[in-house]
């Protein structure tokens, strides 16, 4: 299941960017904040904006799919 989280729901999360991020524009990236029950995702250019949260299995399936491309 995927849902949008509010800033209140995501307070205290530890956000990180991929090591594959383009270093020429460090703010142009997707950031994630993993927790035991969800992977939270946000746009680094708009950290206060909409966020997604998905089950760890859904995130793993997405990453596997994206790696094929």
PDB file of N, CA and C in Angstrom:
ATOM      1  N   UNK A   1       0.841  -1.180   0.000  1.00  0.00           N
ATOM      2  CA  UNK A   1       0.000   0.000   0.000  1.00  0.00           C
ATOM      3  C   UNK A   1       0.879   1.234   0.000  1.00  0.00           C
ATOM      4  N   UNK A   2       0.486   2.240  -0.754  1.00  0.00           N
ATOM      5  CA  UNK A   2       1.205   3.500  -0.832  1.00  0.00           C
ATOM      6  C   UNK A   2       0.272   4.617  -0.408  1.00  0.00           C
ATOM      7  N   UNK A   3       0.785   5.558   0.345  1.00  0.00           N
ATOM      8  CA  UNK A   3      -0.030   6.697   0.738  1.00  0.00           C
ATOM      9  C   UNK A   3       0.837   7.923   0.902  1.00  0.00           C
ATOM     10  N   UNK A   4       0.215   9.084   0.857  1.00  0.00           N
ATOM     11  CA  UNK A   4       0.922  10.350   1.059  1.00  0.00           C
ATOM     12  C   UNK A   4       0.944  10.630   2.543  1.00  0.00           C
ATOM     13  N   UNK A   5       2.105  11.021   3.045  1.00  0.00           N
ATOM     14  CA  UNK A   5       2.210  11.351   4.456  1.00  0.00           C
ATOM     15  C   UNK A   5       2.292  12.857   4.640  1.00  0.00           C
ATOM     16  N   UNK A   6       1.797  13.326   5.734  1.00  0.00           N
ATOM     17  CA  UNK A   6       1.888  14.751   6.042  1.00  0.00           C
ATOM     18  C   UNK A   6       3.211  15.018   6.739  1.00  0.00           C
ATOM     19  N   UNK A   7       3.648  16.287   6.799  1.00  0.00           N
ATOM     20  CA  UNK A   7       4.890  16.598   7.518  1.00  0.00           C
ATOM     21  C   UNK A   7       4.851  16.127   8.971  1.00  0.00           C
ATOM     22  N   UNK A   8       3.679  16.150   9.594  1.00  0.00           N
ATOM     23  CA  UNK A   8       3.586  15.700  10.973  1.00  0.00           C
ATOM     24  C   UNK A   8       3.879  14.209  11.087  1.00  0.00           C
ATOM     25  N   UNK A   9       3.430  13.417  10.105  1.00  0.00           N
ATOM     26  CA  UNK A   9       3.661  11.984  10.117  1.00  0.00           C
ATOM     27  C   UNK A   9       5.138  11.647   9.941  1.00  0.00           C
ATOM     28  N   UNK A  10       5.902  12.526   9.322  1.00  0.00           N
ATOM     29  CA  UNK A  10       7.282  12.233   8.959  1.00  0.00           C
ATOM     30  C   UNK A  10       8.297  12.955   9.841  1.00  0.00           C
ATOM     31  N   UNK A  11       7.859  13.528  10.944  1.00  0.00           N
ATOM     32  CA  UNK A  11       8.809  14.231  11.814  1.00  0.00           C
ATOM     33  C   UNK A  11       9.782  13.224  12.423  1.00  0.00           C
ATOM     34  N   UNK A  12      11.025  13.624  12.514  1.00  0.00           N
ATOM     35  CA  UNK A  12      12.031  12.770  13.119  1.00  0.00           C
ATOM     36  C   UNK A  12      12.623  11.718  12.204  1.00  0.00           C
ATOM     37  N   UNK A  13      12.239  11.690  10.950  1.00  0.00           N
ATOM     38  CA  UNK A  13      12.806  10.707  10.020  1.00  0.00           C
ATOM     39  C   UNK A  13      14.224  11.109   9.632  1.00  0.00           C
ATOM     40  N   UNK A  14      15.057  10.132   9.364  1.00  0.00           N
ATOM     41  CA  UNK A  14      16.437  10.361   8.921  1.00  0.00           C
ATOM     42  C   UNK A  14      16.483  10.175   7.411  1.00  0.00           C
ATOM     43  N   UNK A  15      16.547  11.291   6.669  1.00  0.00           N
ATOM     44  CA  UNK A  15      16.511  11.260   5.210  1.00  0.00           C
ATOM     45  C   UNK A  15      17.908  11.070   4.640  1.00  0.00           C
ATOM     46  N   UNK A  16      17.997  10.336   3.532  1.00  0.00           N
ATOM     47  CA  UNK A  16      19.285  10.162   2.848  1.00  0.00           C
ATOM     48  C   UNK A  16      19.057  10.103   1.342  1.00  0.00           C
ATOM     49  N   UNK A  17      20.127  10.457   0.610  1.00  0.00           N
ATOM     50  CA  UNK A  17      20.105  10.415  -0.857  1.00  0.00           C
ATOM     51  C   UNK A  17      20.948   9.244  -1.335  1.00  0.00           C
ATOM     52  N   UNK A  18      20.674   8.800  -2.519  1.00  0.00           N
ATOM     53  CA  UNK A  18      21.432   7.721  -3.124  1.00  0.00           C
ATOM     54  C   UNK A  18      22.869   8.156  -3.400  1.00  0.00           C
ATOM     55  N   UNK A  19      23.783   7.229  -3.269  1.00  0.00           N
ATOM     56  CA  UNK A  19      25.171   7.515  -3.634  1.00  0.00           C
ATOM     57  C   UNK A  19      25.306   7.707  -5.139  1.00  0.00           C
ATOM     58  N   UNK A  20      24.283   7.349  -5.908  1.00  0.00           N
ATOM     59  CA  UNK A  20      24.279   7.529  -7.351  1.00  0.00           C
ATOM     60  C   UNK A  20      23.748   8.902  -7.761  1.00  0.00           C
ATOM     61  N   UNK A  21      23.440   9.762  -6.793  1.00  0.00           N
ATOM     62  CA  UNK A  21      22.921  11.095  -7.115  1.00  0.00           C
ATOM     63  C   UNK A  21      23.949  11.878  -7.909  1.00  0.00           C
ATOM     64  N   UNK A  22      23.467  12.725  -8.794  1.00  0.00           N
ATOM     65  CA  UNK A  22      24.328  13.576  -9.613  1.00  0.00           C
ATOM     66  C   UNK A  22      24.984  14.621  -8.716  1.00  0.00           C
ATOM     67  N   UNK A  23      26.298  14.535  -8.528  1.00  0.00           N
ATOM     68  CA  UNK A  23      26.995  15.452  -7.629  1.00  0.00           C
ATOM     69  C   UNK A  23      27.066  16.876  -8.172  1.00  0.00           C
ATOM     70  N   UNK A  24      26.783  17.086  -9.479  1.00  0.00           N
ATOM     71  CA  UNK A  24      26.823  18.445 -10.027  1.00  0.00           C
ATOM     72  C   UNK A  24      25.608  19.251  -9.588  1.00  0.00           C
ATOM     73  N   UNK A  25      24.543  18.582  -9.143  1.00  0.00           N
ATOM     74  CA  UNK A  25      23.347  19.254  -8.645  1.00  0.00           C
ATOM     75  C   UNK A  25      22.833  18.461  -7.440  1.00  0.00           C
ATOM     76  N   UNK A  26      23.444  18.675  -6.262  1.00  0.00           N
ATOM     77  CA  UNK A  26      23.134  17.826  -5.110  1.00  0.00           C
ATOM     78  C   UNK A  26      21.701  17.935  -4.594  1.00  0.00           C
ATOM     79  N   UNK A  27      20.957  18.972  -5.004  1.00  0.00           N
ATOM     80  CA  UNK A  27      19.584  19.083  -4.508  1.00  0.00           C
ATOM     81  C   UNK A  27      18.572  18.457  -5.463  1.00  0.00           C
ATOM     82  N   UNK A  28      19.037  17.865  -6.558  1.00  0.00           N
ATOM     83  CA  UNK A  28      18.150  17.279  -7.563  1.00  0.00           C
ATOM     84  C   UNK A  28      18.114  15.766  -7.396  1.00  0.00           C
ATOM     85  N   UNK A  29      17.352  15.310  -6.413  1.00  0.00           N
ATOM     86  CA  UNK A  29      17.369  13.887  -6.108  1.00  0.00           C
ATOM     87  C   UNK A  29      16.126  13.497  -5.319  1.00  0.00           C
ATOM     88  N   UNK A  30      15.869  12.216  -5.286  1.00  0.00           N
ATOM     89  CA  UNK A  30      14.848  11.645  -4.412  1.00  0.00           C
ATOM     90  C   UNK A  30      15.556  11.236  -3.129  1.00  0.00           C
ATOM     91  N   UNK A  31      14.917  11.474  -2.005  1.00  0.00           N
ATOM     92  CA  UNK A  31      15.463  11.073  -0.715  1.00  0.00           C
ATOM     93  C   UNK A  31      14.546  10.018  -0.095  1.00  0.00           C
ATOM     94  N   UNK A  32      15.132   9.127   0.677  1.00  0.00           N
ATOM     95  CA  UNK A  32      14.334   8.126   1.383  1.00  0.00           C
ATOM     96  C   UNK A  32      14.652   8.165   2.875  1.00  0.00           C
ATOM     97  N   UNK A  33      13.677   7.728   3.655  1.00  0.00           N
ATOM     98  CA  UNK A  33      13.845   7.585   5.097  1.00  0.00           C
ATOM     99  C   UNK A  33      13.217   6.244   5.491  1.00  0.00           C
ATOM    100  N   UNK A  34      14.050   5.215   5.652  1.00  0.00           N
ATOM    101  CA  UNK A  34      13.500   3.910   5.998  1.00  0.00           C
ATOM    102  C   UNK A  34      13.139   3.805   7.482  1.00  0.00           C
ATOM    103  N   UNK A  35      12.056   3.119   7.759  1.00  0.00           N
ATOM    104  CA  UNK A  35      11.659   2.758   9.118  1.00  0.00           C
ATOM    105  C   UNK A  35      11.337   1.266   9.095  1.00  0.00           C
ATOM    106  N   UNK A  36      11.131   0.651  10.222  1.00  0.00           N
ATOM    107  CA  UNK A  36      10.827  -0.786  10.198  1.00  0.00           C
ATOM    108  C   UNK A  36       9.553  -1.146   9.423  1.00  0.00           C
ATOM    109  N   UNK A  37       8.603  -0.231   9.354  1.00  0.00           N
ATOM    110  CA  UNK A  37       7.323  -0.561   8.719  1.00  0.00           C
ATOM    111  C   UNK A  37       7.078   0.130   7.391  1.00  0.00           C
ATOM    112  N   UNK A  38       7.915   1.102   7.016  1.00  0.00           N
ATOM    113  CA  UNK A  38       7.668   1.850   5.773  1.00  0.00           C
ATOM    114  C   UNK A  38       8.957   2.479   5.262  1.00  0.00           C
ATOM    115  N   UNK A  39       8.987   2.700   3.957  1.00  0.00           N
ATOM    116  CA  UNK A  39      10.037   3.489   3.319  1.00  0.00           C
ATOM    117  C   UNK A  39       9.363   4.789   2.903  1.00  0.00           C
ATOM    118  N   UNK A  40       9.838   5.907   3.431  1.00  0.00           N
ATOM    119  CA  UNK A  40       9.285   7.219   3.114  1.00  0.00           C
ATOM    120  C   UNK A  40      10.125   7.816   1.994  1.00  0.00           C
ATOM    121  N   UNK A  41       9.467   8.458   1.035  1.00  0.00           N
ATOM    122  CA  UNK A  41      10.135   9.002  -0.149  1.00  0.00           C
ATOM    123  C   UNK A  41       9.694  10.444  -0.334  1.00  0.00           C
ATOM    124  N   UNK A  42      10.665  11.333  -0.645  1.00  0.00           N
ATOM    125  CA  UNK A  42      10.340  12.731  -0.918  1.00  0.00           C
ATOM    126  C   UNK A  42      11.276  13.287  -1.977  1.00  0.00           C
ATOM    127  N   UNK A  43      10.888  14.410  -2.561  1.00  0.00           N
ATOM    128  CA  UNK A  43      11.693  15.147  -3.538  1.00  0.00           C
ATOM    129  C   UNK A  43      12.623  16.069  -2.763  1.00  0.00           C
ATOM    130  N   UNK A  44      13.927  15.950  -2.958  1.00  0.00           N
ATOM    131  CA  UNK A  44      14.873  16.766  -2.201  1.00  0.00           C
ATOM    132  C   UNK A  44      14.739  18.256  -2.507  1.00  0.00           C
ATOM    133  N   UNK A  45      14.178  18.591  -3.667  1.00  0.00           N
ATOM    134  CA  UNK A  45      13.984  20.008  -4.006  1.00  0.00           C
ATOM    135  C   UNK A  45      12.824  20.619  -3.228  1.00  0.00           C
ATOM    136  N   UNK A  46      11.960  19.769  -2.673  1.00  0.00           N
ATOM    137  CA  UNK A  46      10.783  20.240  -1.946  1.00  0.00           C
ATOM    138  C   UNK A  46      10.580  19.378  -0.698  1.00  0.00           C
ATOM    139  N   UNK A  47      11.495  19.479   0.283  1.00  0.00           N
ATOM    140  CA  UNK A  47      11.430  18.578   1.435  1.00  0.00           C
ATOM    141  C   UNK A  47      10.170  18.742   2.292  1.00  0.00           C
ATOM    142  N   UNK A  48       9.498  19.874   2.199  1.00  0.00           N
ATOM    143  CA  UNK A  48       8.268  20.074   2.950  1.00  0.00           C
ATOM    144  C   UNK A  48       7.028  19.681   2.176  1.00  0.00           C
ATOM    145  N   UNK A  49       7.196  19.230   0.946  1.00  0.00           N
ATOM    146  CA  UNK A  49       6.071  18.891   0.091  1.00  0.00           C
ATOM    147  C   UNK A  49       5.549  17.489   0.337  1.00  0.00           C
ATOM    148  N   UNK A  50       4.840  16.996  -0.641  1.00  0.00           N
ATOM    149  CA  UNK A  50       4.225  15.671  -0.545  1.00  0.00           C
ATOM    150  C   UNK A  50       5.278  14.590  -0.359  1.00  0.00           C
ATOM    151  N   UNK A  51       4.926  13.588   0.399  1.00  0.00           N
ATOM    152  CA  UNK A  51       5.796  12.444   0.638  1.00  0.00           C
ATOM    153  C   UNK A  51       4.990  11.173   0.434  1.00  0.00           C
ATOM    154  N   UNK A  52       5.678  10.152   0.013  1.00  0.00           N
ATOM    155  CA  UNK A  52       5.049   8.838  -0.133  1.00  0.00           C
ATOM    156  C   UNK A  52       5.611   7.912   0.937  1.00  0.00           C
ATOM    157  N   UNK A  53       4.823   6.947   1.331  1.00  0.00           N
ATOM    158  CA  UNK A  53       5.297   5.891   2.224  1.00  0.00           C
ATOM    159  C   UNK A  53       4.810   4.566   1.659  1.00  0.00           C
ATOM    160  N   UNK A  54       5.694   3.596   1.641  1.00  0.00           N
ATOM    161  CA  UNK A  54       5.314   2.282   1.114  1.00  0.00           C
ATOM    162  C   UNK A  54       5.935   1.196   1.974  1.00  0.00           C
ATOM    163  N   UNK A  55       5.351   0.029   1.899  1.00  0.00           N
ATOM    164  CA  UNK A  55       5.879  -1.127   2.620  1.00  0.00           C
ATOM    165  C   UNK A  55       7.275  -1.457   2.100  1.00  0.00           C
ATOM    166  N   UNK A  56       8.155  -1.937   2.966  1.00  0.00           N
ATOM    167  CA  UNK A  56       9.501  -2.295   2.508  1.00  0.00           C
ATOM    168  C   UNK A  56       9.505  -3.257   1.319  1.00  0.00           C
ATOM    169  N   UNK A  57       8.576  -4.195   1.257  1.00  0.00           N
ATOM    170  CA  UNK A  57       8.520  -5.127   0.123  1.00  0.00           C
ATOM    171  C   UNK A  57       8.186  -4.399  -1.174  1.00  0.00           C
ATOM    172  N   UNK A  58       7.307  -3.409  -1.109  1.00  0.00           N
ATOM    173  CA  UNK A  58       6.961  -2.625  -2.299  1.00  0.00           C
ATOM    174  C   UNK A  58       8.164  -1.822  -2.768  1.00  0.00           C
ATOM    175  N   UNK A  59       8.926  -1.259  -1.836  1.00  0.00           N
ATOM    176  CA  UNK A  59      10.132  -0.504  -2.189  1.00  0.00           C
ATOM    177  C   UNK A  59      11.155  -1.430  -2.849  1.00  0.00           C
ATOM    178  N   UNK A  60      11.349  -2.607  -2.282  1.00  0.00           N
ATOM    179  CA  UNK A  60      12.306  -3.562  -2.850  1.00  0.00           C
ATOM    180  C   UNK A  60      11.900  -3.955  -4.267  1.00  0.00           C
ATOM    181  N   UNK A  61      10.620  -4.155  -4.497  1.00  0.00           N
ATOM    182  CA  UNK A  61      10.143  -4.495  -5.842  1.00  0.00           C
ATOM    183  C   UNK A  61      10.373  -3.334  -6.800  1.00  0.00           C
ATOM    184  N   UNK A  62      10.139  -2.109  -6.356  1.00  0.00           N
ATOM    185  CA  UNK A  62      10.372  -0.937  -7.197  1.00  0.00           C
ATOM    186  C   UNK A  62      11.853  -0.823  -7.563  1.00  0.00           C
ATOM    187  N   UNK A  63      12.736  -0.946  -6.584  1.00  0.00           N
ATOM    188  CA  UNK A  63      14.167  -0.827  -6.842  1.00  0.00           C
ATOM    189  C   UNK A  63      14.631  -1.913  -7.817  1.00  0.00           C
ATOM    190  N   UNK A  64      14.150  -3.128  -7.642  1.00  0.00           N
ATOM    191  CA  UNK A  64      14.508  -4.209  -8.572  1.00  0.00           C
ATOM    192  C   UNK A  64      14.041  -3.900  -9.978  1.00  0.00           C
ATOM    193  N   UNK A  65      12.825  -3.383 -10.117  1.00  0.00           N
ATOM    194  CA  UNK A  65      12.298  -3.010 -11.427  1.00  0.00           C
ATOM    195  C   UNK A  65      13.119  -1.884 -12.047  1.00  0.00           C
ATOM    196  N   UNK A  66      13.406  -0.845 -11.256  1.00  0.00           N
ATOM    197  CA  UNK A  66      14.177   0.303 -11.767  1.00  0.00           C
ATOM    198  C   UNK A  66      15.583  -0.099 -12.185  1.00  0.00           C
ATOM    199  N   UNK A  67      16.162  -1.048 -11.519  1.00  0.00           N
ATOM    200  CA  UNK A  67      17.526  -1.490 -11.846  1.00  0.00           C
ATOM    201  C   UNK A  67      17.591  -2.224 -13.184  1.00  0.00           C
ATOM    202  N   UNK A  68      16.452  -2.734 -13.644  1.00  0.00           N
ATOM    203  CA  UNK A  68      16.427  -3.448 -14.923  1.00  0.00           C
ATOM    204  C   UNK A  68      16.524  -2.508 -16.111  1.00  0.00           C
ATOM    205  N   UNK A  69      16.129  -1.241 -15.902  1.00  0.00           N
ATOM    206  CA  UNK A  69      15.985  -0.322 -17.006  1.00  0.00           C
ATOM    207  C   UNK A  69      17.202   0.297 -17.485  1.00  0.00           C
TER     208      UNK A  69
END
